[in-house]
Amino acid sequence: MSSEFWLTSIVVTATPGTGALFTIAAALARGARAGLVAALGCTLGIVPHMALALTGAAAVLAASPV
């Protein structure tokens, strides 16, 4: 693998995602309670996608011609 691939992989892995940025922004703007609520909301938003991926439904939907 090329050094460009490794550099890009490190940058993508090291940067925070939108959920982390939203949680930090909510906590800084409105306090710790808002930060915890934002973190809980982001986590609950990931659960349906994770469940679909774990059950293989994502592969079935990806293979669907529709």
PDB file of N, CA and C in Angstrom:
ATOM      1  N   MET A   1       0.835  -1.178   0.000  1.00  0.00           N
ATOM      2  CA  MET A   1       0.000   0.000   0.000  1.00  0.00           C
ATOM      3  C   MET A   1       0.877   1.238   0.000  1.00  0.00           C
ATOM      4  N   SER A   2       0.377   2.258  -0.628  1.00  0.00           N
ATOM      5  CA  SER A   2       1.174   3.468  -0.792  1.00  0.00           C
ATOM      6  C   SER A   2       1.163   4.328   0.473  1.00  0.00           C
ATOM      7  N   SER A   3       2.130   5.214   0.528  1.00  0.00           N
ATOM      8  CA  SER A   3       2.204   6.120   1.676  1.00  0.00           C
ATOM      9  C   SER A   3       1.032   7.102   1.665  1.00  0.00           C
ATOM     10  N   GLU A   4       0.507   7.442   0.492  1.00  0.00           N
ATOM     11  CA  GLU A   4      -0.654   8.320   0.423  1.00  0.00           C
ATOM     12  C   GLU A   4      -1.876   7.668   1.061  1.00  0.00           C
ATOM     13  N   PHE A   5      -2.034   6.368   0.826  1.00  0.00           N
ATOM     14  CA  PHE A   5      -3.139   5.641   1.439  1.00  0.00           C
ATOM     15  C   PHE A   5      -3.027   5.668   2.949  1.00  0.00           C
ATOM     16  N   TRP A   6      -1.838   5.387   3.476  1.00  0.00           N
ATOM     17  CA  TRP A   6      -1.637   5.368   4.916  1.00  0.00           C
ATOM     18  C   TRP A   6      -1.860   6.746   5.531  1.00  0.00           C
ATOM     19  N   LEU A   7      -1.368   7.770   4.876  1.00  0.00           N
ATOM     20  CA  LEU A   7      -1.559   9.131   5.388  1.00  0.00           C
ATOM     21  C   LEU A   7      -3.040   9.500   5.412  1.00  0.00           C
ATOM     22  N   THR A   8      -3.751   9.177   4.348  1.00  0.00           N
ATOM     23  CA  THR A   8      -5.186   9.459   4.298  1.00  0.00           C
ATOM     24  C   THR A   8      -5.931   8.666   5.360  1.00  0.00           C
ATOM     25  N   SER A   9      -5.568   7.417   5.553  1.00  0.00           N
ATOM     26  CA  SER A   9      -6.210   6.581   6.571  1.00  0.00           C
ATOM     27  C   SER A   9      -6.013   7.149   7.967  1.00  0.00           C
ATOM     28  N   ILE A  10      -4.819   7.613   8.252  1.00  0.00           N
ATOM     29  CA  ILE A  10      -4.530   8.183   9.572  1.00  0.00           C
ATOM     30  C   ILE A  10      -5.317   9.466   9.788  1.00  0.00           C
ATOM     31  N   VAL A  11      -5.380  10.311   8.775  1.00  0.00           N
ATOM     32  CA  VAL A  11      -6.113  11.572   8.907  1.00  0.00           C
ATOM     33  C   VAL A  11      -7.607  11.311   9.115  1.00  0.00           C
ATOM     34  N   VAL A  12      -8.170  10.405   8.338  1.00  0.00           N
ATOM     35  CA  VAL A  12      -9.597  10.108   8.463  1.00  0.00           C
ATOM     36  C   VAL A  12      -9.902   9.489   9.827  1.00  0.00           C
ATOM     37  N   THR A  13      -9.038   8.634  10.311  1.00  0.00           N
ATOM     38  CA  THR A  13      -9.253   7.991  11.599  1.00  0.00           C
ATOM     39  C   THR A  13      -9.072   8.961  12.756  1.00  0.00           C
ATOM     40  N   ALA A  14      -8.140   9.876  12.651  1.00  0.00           N
ATOM     41  CA  ALA A  14      -7.826  10.778  13.757  1.00  0.00           C
ATOM     42  C   ALA A  14      -8.801  11.941  13.895  1.00  0.00           C
ATOM     43  N   THR A  15      -9.497  12.298  12.824  1.00  0.00           N
ATOM     44  CA  THR A  15     -10.405  13.434  12.907  1.00  0.00           C
ATOM     45  C   THR A  15     -11.731  13.012  13.526  1.00  0.00           C
ATOM     46  N   PRO A  16     -12.309  13.867  14.372  1.00  0.00           N
ATOM     47  CA  PRO A  16     -13.590  13.506  14.980  1.00  0.00           C
ATOM     48  C   PRO A  16     -14.721  13.585  13.964  1.00  0.00           C
ATOM     49  N   GLY A  17     -15.707  12.765  14.167  1.00  0.00           N
ATOM     50  CA  GLY A  17     -16.852  12.760  13.267  1.00  0.00           C
ATOM     51  C   GLY A  17     -17.866  13.822  13.640  1.00  0.00           C
ATOM     52  N   THR A  18     -18.951  13.848  12.881  1.00  0.00           N
ATOM     53  CA  THR A  18     -19.976  14.861  13.121  1.00  0.00           C
ATOM     54  C   THR A  18     -20.651  14.679  14.470  1.00  0.00           C
ATOM     55  N   GLY A  19     -20.803  13.442  14.904  1.00  0.00           N
ATOM     56  CA  GLY A  19     -21.423  13.192  16.209  1.00  0.00           C
ATOM     57  C   GLY A  19     -20.578  13.735  17.348  1.00  0.00           C
ATOM     58  N   ALA A  20     -19.285  13.523  17.263  1.00  0.00           N
ATOM     59  CA  ALA A  20     -18.392  14.038  18.301  1.00  0.00           C
ATOM     60  C   ALA A  20     -18.365  15.558  18.300  1.00  0.00           C
ATOM     61  N   LEU A  21     -18.315  16.152  17.114  1.00  0.00           N
ATOM     62  CA  LEU A  21     -18.321  17.610  17.032  1.00  0.00           C
ATOM     63  C   LEU A  21     -19.623  18.197  17.560  1.00  0.00           C
ATOM     64  N   PHE A  22     -20.750  17.562  17.246  1.00  0.00           N
ATOM     65  CA  PHE A  22     -22.039  18.040  17.746  1.00  0.00           C
ATOM     66  C   PHE A  22     -22.098  17.932  19.266  1.00  0.00           C
ATOM     67  N   THR A  23     -21.628  16.808  19.811  1.00  0.00           N
ATOM     68  CA  THR A  23     -21.645  16.613  21.250  1.00  0.00           C
ATOM     69  C   THR A  23     -20.777  17.650  21.959  1.00  0.00           C
ATOM     70  N   ILE A  24     -19.597  17.888  21.439  1.00  0.00           N
ATOM     71  CA  ILE A  24     -18.699  18.884  22.034  1.00  0.00           C
ATOM     72  C   ILE A  24     -19.309  20.280  21.943  1.00  0.00           C
ATOM     73  N   ALA A  25     -19.871  20.610  20.796  1.00  0.00           N
ATOM     74  CA  ALA A  25     -20.478  21.932  20.624  1.00  0.00           C
ATOM     75  C   ALA A  25     -21.663  22.117  21.554  1.00  0.00           C
ATOM     76  N   ALA A  26     -22.488  21.095  21.705  1.00  0.00           N
ATOM     77  CA  ALA A  26     -23.641  21.191  22.606  1.00  0.00           C
ATOM     78  C   ALA A  26     -23.185  21.360  24.043  1.00  0.00           C
ATOM     79  N   ALA A  27     -22.164  20.623  24.437  1.00  0.00           N
ATOM     80  CA  ALA A  27     -21.665  20.725  25.810  1.00  0.00           C
ATOM     81  C   ALA A  27     -21.041  22.088  26.081  1.00  0.00           C
ATOM     82  N   LEU A  28     -20.299  22.606  25.127  1.00  0.00           N
ATOM     83  CA  LEU A  28     -19.670  23.912  25.319  1.00  0.00           C
ATOM     84  C   LEU A  28     -20.699  25.039  25.324  1.00  0.00           C
ATOM     85  N   ALA A  29     -21.727  24.932  24.487  1.00  0.00           N
ATOM     86  CA  ALA A  29     -22.708  26.005  24.372  1.00  0.00           C
ATOM     87  C   ALA A  29     -23.750  25.976  25.487  1.00  0.00           C
ATOM     88  N   ARG A  30     -24.175  24.760  25.892  1.00  0.00           N
ATOM     89  CA  ARG A  30     -25.300  24.671  26.821  1.00  0.00           C
ATOM     90  C   ARG A  30     -25.017  23.886  28.098  1.00  0.00           C
ATOM     91  N   GLY A  31     -23.804  23.379  28.263  1.00  0.00           N
ATOM     92  CA  GLY A  31     -23.455  22.695  29.502  1.00  0.00           C
ATOM     93  C   GLY A  31     -23.359  21.185  29.367  1.00  0.00           C
ATOM     94  N   ALA A  32     -22.965  20.587  30.479  1.00  0.00           N
ATOM     95  CA  ALA A  32     -22.704  19.147  30.499  1.00  0.00           C
ATOM     96  C   ALA A  32     -23.958  18.323  30.245  1.00  0.00           C
ATOM     97  N   ARG A  33     -25.087  18.756  30.784  1.00  0.00           N
ATOM     98  CA  ARG A  33     -26.328  17.992  30.577  1.00  0.00           C
ATOM     99  C   ARG A  33     -26.694  17.937  29.092  1.00  0.00           C
ATOM    100  N   ALA A  34     -26.585  19.047  28.390  1.00  0.00           N
ATOM    101  CA  ALA A  34     -26.870  19.069  26.959  1.00  0.00           C
ATOM    102  C   ALA A  34     -25.879  18.198  26.197  1.00  0.00           C
ATOM    103  N   GLY A  35     -24.633  18.181  26.646  1.00  0.00           N
ATOM    104  CA  GLY A  35     -23.644  17.321  26.014  1.00  0.00           C
ATOM    105  C   GLY A  35     -23.981  15.849  26.179  1.00  0.00           C
ATOM    106  N   LEU A  36     -24.453  15.475  27.359  1.00  0.00           N
ATOM    107  CA  LEU A  36     -24.851  14.079  27.586  1.00  0.00           C
ATOM    108  C   LEU A  36     -26.072  13.713  26.756  1.00  0.00           C
ATOM    109  N   VAL A  37     -27.026  14.637  26.643  1.00  0.00           N
ATOM    110  CA  VAL A  37     -28.205  14.381  25.824  1.00  0.00           C
ATOM    111  C   VAL A  37     -27.806  14.236  24.352  1.00  0.00           C
ATOM    112  N   ALA A  38     -26.903  15.082  23.892  1.00  0.00           N
ATOM    113  CA  ALA A  38     -26.428  14.996  22.507  1.00  0.00           C
ATOM    114  C   ALA A  38     -25.708  13.675  22.263  1.00  0.00           C
ATOM    115  N   ALA A  39     -24.881  13.258  23.206  1.00  0.00           N
ATOM    116  CA  ALA A  39     -24.172  11.985  23.060  1.00  0.00           C
ATOM    117  C   ALA A  39     -25.149  10.822  23.025  1.00  0.00           C
ATOM    118  N   LEU A  40     -26.158  10.865  23.876  1.00  0.00           N
ATOM    119  CA  LEU A  40     -27.176   9.811  23.881  1.00  0.00           C
ATOM    120  C   LEU A  40     -27.939   9.788  22.558  1.00  0.00           C
ATOM    121  N   GLY A  41     -28.293  10.973  22.060  1.00  0.00           N
ATOM    122  CA  GLY A  41     -29.009  11.053  20.784  1.00  0.00           C
ATOM    123  C   GLY A  41     -28.182  10.520  19.632  1.00  0.00           C
ATOM    124  N   CYS A  42     -26.908  10.864  19.604  1.00  0.00           N
ATOM    125  CA  CYS A  42     -26.030  10.357  18.540  1.00  0.00           C
ATOM    126  C   CYS A  42     -25.887   8.844  18.618  1.00  0.00           C
ATOM    127  N   THR A  43     -25.787   8.329  19.828  1.00  0.00           N
ATOM    128  CA  THR A  43     -25.663   6.886  20.012  1.00  0.00           C
ATOM    129  C   THR A  43     -26.933   6.171  19.581  1.00  0.00           C
ATOM    130  N   LEU A  44     -28.076   6.718  19.967  1.00  0.00           N
ATOM    131  CA  LEU A  44     -29.340   6.094  19.569  1.00  0.00           C
ATOM    132  C   LEU A  44     -29.552   6.168  18.068  1.00  0.00           C
ATOM    133  N   GLY A  45     -28.986   7.167  17.418  1.00  0.00           N
ATOM    134  CA  GLY A  45     -29.095   7.271  15.973  1.00  0.00           C
ATOM    135  C   GLY A  45     -28.284   6.225  15.240  1.00  0.00           C
ATOM    136  N   ILE A  46     -27.245   5.731  15.881  1.00  0.00           N
ATOM    137  CA  ILE A  46     -26.385   4.729  15.263  1.00  0.00           C
ATOM    138  C   ILE A  46     -26.966   3.321  15.407  1.00  0.00           C
ATOM    139  N   VAL A  47     -27.770   3.099  16.428  1.00  0.00           N
ATOM    140  CA  VAL A  47     -28.260   1.755  16.751  1.00  0.00           C
ATOM    141  C   VAL A  47     -29.015   1.097  15.593  1.00  0.00           C
ATOM    142  N   PRO A  48     -29.965   1.760  14.913  1.00  0.00           N
ATOM    143  CA  PRO A  48     -30.653   1.062  13.804  1.00  0.00           C
ATOM    144  C   PRO A  48     -29.702   0.646  12.680  1.00  0.00           C
ATOM    145  N   HIS A  49     -28.762   1.504  12.338  1.00  0.00           N
ATOM    146  CA  HIS A  49     -27.800   1.157  11.288  1.00  0.00           C
ATOM    147  C   HIS A  49     -26.945  -0.021  11.715  1.00  0.00           C
ATOM    148  N   MET A  50     -26.504  -0.013  12.963  1.00  0.00           N
ATOM    149  CA  MET A  50     -25.684  -1.107  13.480  1.00  0.00           C
ATOM    150  C   MET A  50     -26.476  -2.413  13.475  1.00  0.00           C
ATOM    151  N   ALA A  51     -27.734  -2.353  13.872  1.00  0.00           N
ATOM    152  CA  ALA A  51     -28.554  -3.561  13.892  1.00  0.00           C
ATOM    153  C   ALA A  51     -28.743  -4.123  12.486  1.00  0.00           C
ATOM    154  N   LEU A  52     -28.980  -3.234  11.514  1.00  0.00           N
ATOM    155  CA  LEU A  52     -29.124  -3.696  10.130  1.00  0.00           C
ATOM    156  C   LEU A  52     -27.822  -4.308   9.609  1.00  0.00           C
ATOM    157  N   ALA A  53     -26.717  -3.689   9.936  1.00  0.00           N
ATOM    158  CA  ALA A  53     -25.433  -4.212   9.473  1.00  0.00           C
ATOM    159  C   ALA A  53     -25.139  -5.569  10.112  1.00  0.00           C
ATOM    160  N   LEU A  54     -25.456  -5.708  11.380  1.00  0.00           N
ATOM    161  CA  LEU A  54     -25.177  -6.969  12.066  1.00  0.00           C
ATOM    162  C   LEU A  54     -26.074  -8.102  11.575  1.00  0.00           C
ATOM    163  N   THR A  55     -27.274  -7.791  11.197  1.00  0.00           N
ATOM    164  CA  THR A  55     -28.174  -8.852  10.742  1.00  0.00           C
ATOM    165  C   THR A  55     -28.017  -9.175   9.263  1.00  0.00           C
ATOM    166  N   GLY A  56     -27.214  -8.422   8.570  1.00  0.00           N
ATOM    167  CA  GLY A  56     -26.996  -8.694   7.160  1.00  0.00           C
ATOM    168  C   GLY A  56     -28.004  -8.020   6.256  1.00  0.00           C
ATOM    169  N   ALA A  57     -28.921  -7.280   6.833  1.00  0.00           N
ATOM    170  CA  ALA A  57     -29.920  -6.607   6.018  1.00  0.00           C
ATOM    171  C   ALA A  57     -29.286  -5.562   5.109  1.00  0.00           C
ATOM    172  N   ALA A  58     -28.203  -4.983   5.547  1.00  0.00           N
ATOM    173  CA  ALA A  58     -27.521  -3.997   4.719  1.00  0.00           C
ATOM    174  C   ALA A  58     -27.015  -4.640   3.432  1.00  0.00           C
ATOM    175  N   ALA A  59     -26.510  -5.857   3.506  1.00  0.00           N
ATOM    176  CA  ALA A  59     -26.028  -6.549   2.305  1.00  0.00           C
ATOM    177  C   ALA A  59     -27.187  -6.885   1.369  1.00  0.00           C
ATOM    178  N   VAL A  60     -28.295  -7.270   1.941  1.00  0.00           N
ATOM    179  CA  VAL A  60     -29.475  -7.591   1.125  1.00  0.00           C
ATOM    180  C   VAL A  60     -29.970  -6.340   0.416  1.00  0.00           C
ATOM    181  N   LEU A  61     -30.050  -5.222   1.123  1.00  0.00           N
ATOM    182  CA  LEU A  61     -30.502  -3.971   0.517  1.00  0.00           C
ATOM    183  C   LEU A  61     -29.514  -3.482  -0.542  1.00  0.00           C
ATOM    184  N   ALA A  62     -28.244  -3.668  -0.303  1.00  0.00           N
ATOM    185  CA  ALA A  62     -27.231  -3.242  -1.279  1.00  0.00           C
ATOM    186  C   ALA A  62     -27.309  -4.086  -2.547  1.00  0.00           C
ATOM    187  N   ALA A  63     -27.677  -5.337  -2.443  1.00  0.00           N
ATOM    188  CA  ALA A  63     -27.767  -6.213  -3.606  1.00  0.00           C
ATOM    189  C   ALA A  63     -29.087  -6.054  -4.357  1.00  0.00           C
ATOM    190  N   SER A  64     -30.045  -5.362  -3.759  1.00  0.00           N
ATOM    191  CA  SER A  64     -31.340  -5.176  -4.378  1.00  0.00           C
ATOM    192  C   SER A  64     -31.246  -4.265  -5.591  1.00  0.00           C
ATOM    193  N   PRO A  65     -31.890  -4.616  -6.693  1.00  0.00           N
ATOM    194  CA  PRO A  65     -31.841  -3.759  -7.887  1.00  0.00           C
ATOM    195  C   PRO A  65     -32.622  -2.453  -7.723  1.00  0.00           C
ATOM    196  N   VAL A  66     -33.510  -2.402  -6.770  1.00  0.00           N
ATOM    197  CA  VAL A  66     -34.292  -1.179  -6.529  1.00  0.00           C
ATOM    198  C   VAL A  66     -33.415  -0.246  -5.796  1.00  0.00           C
TER     199      VAL A  66
END
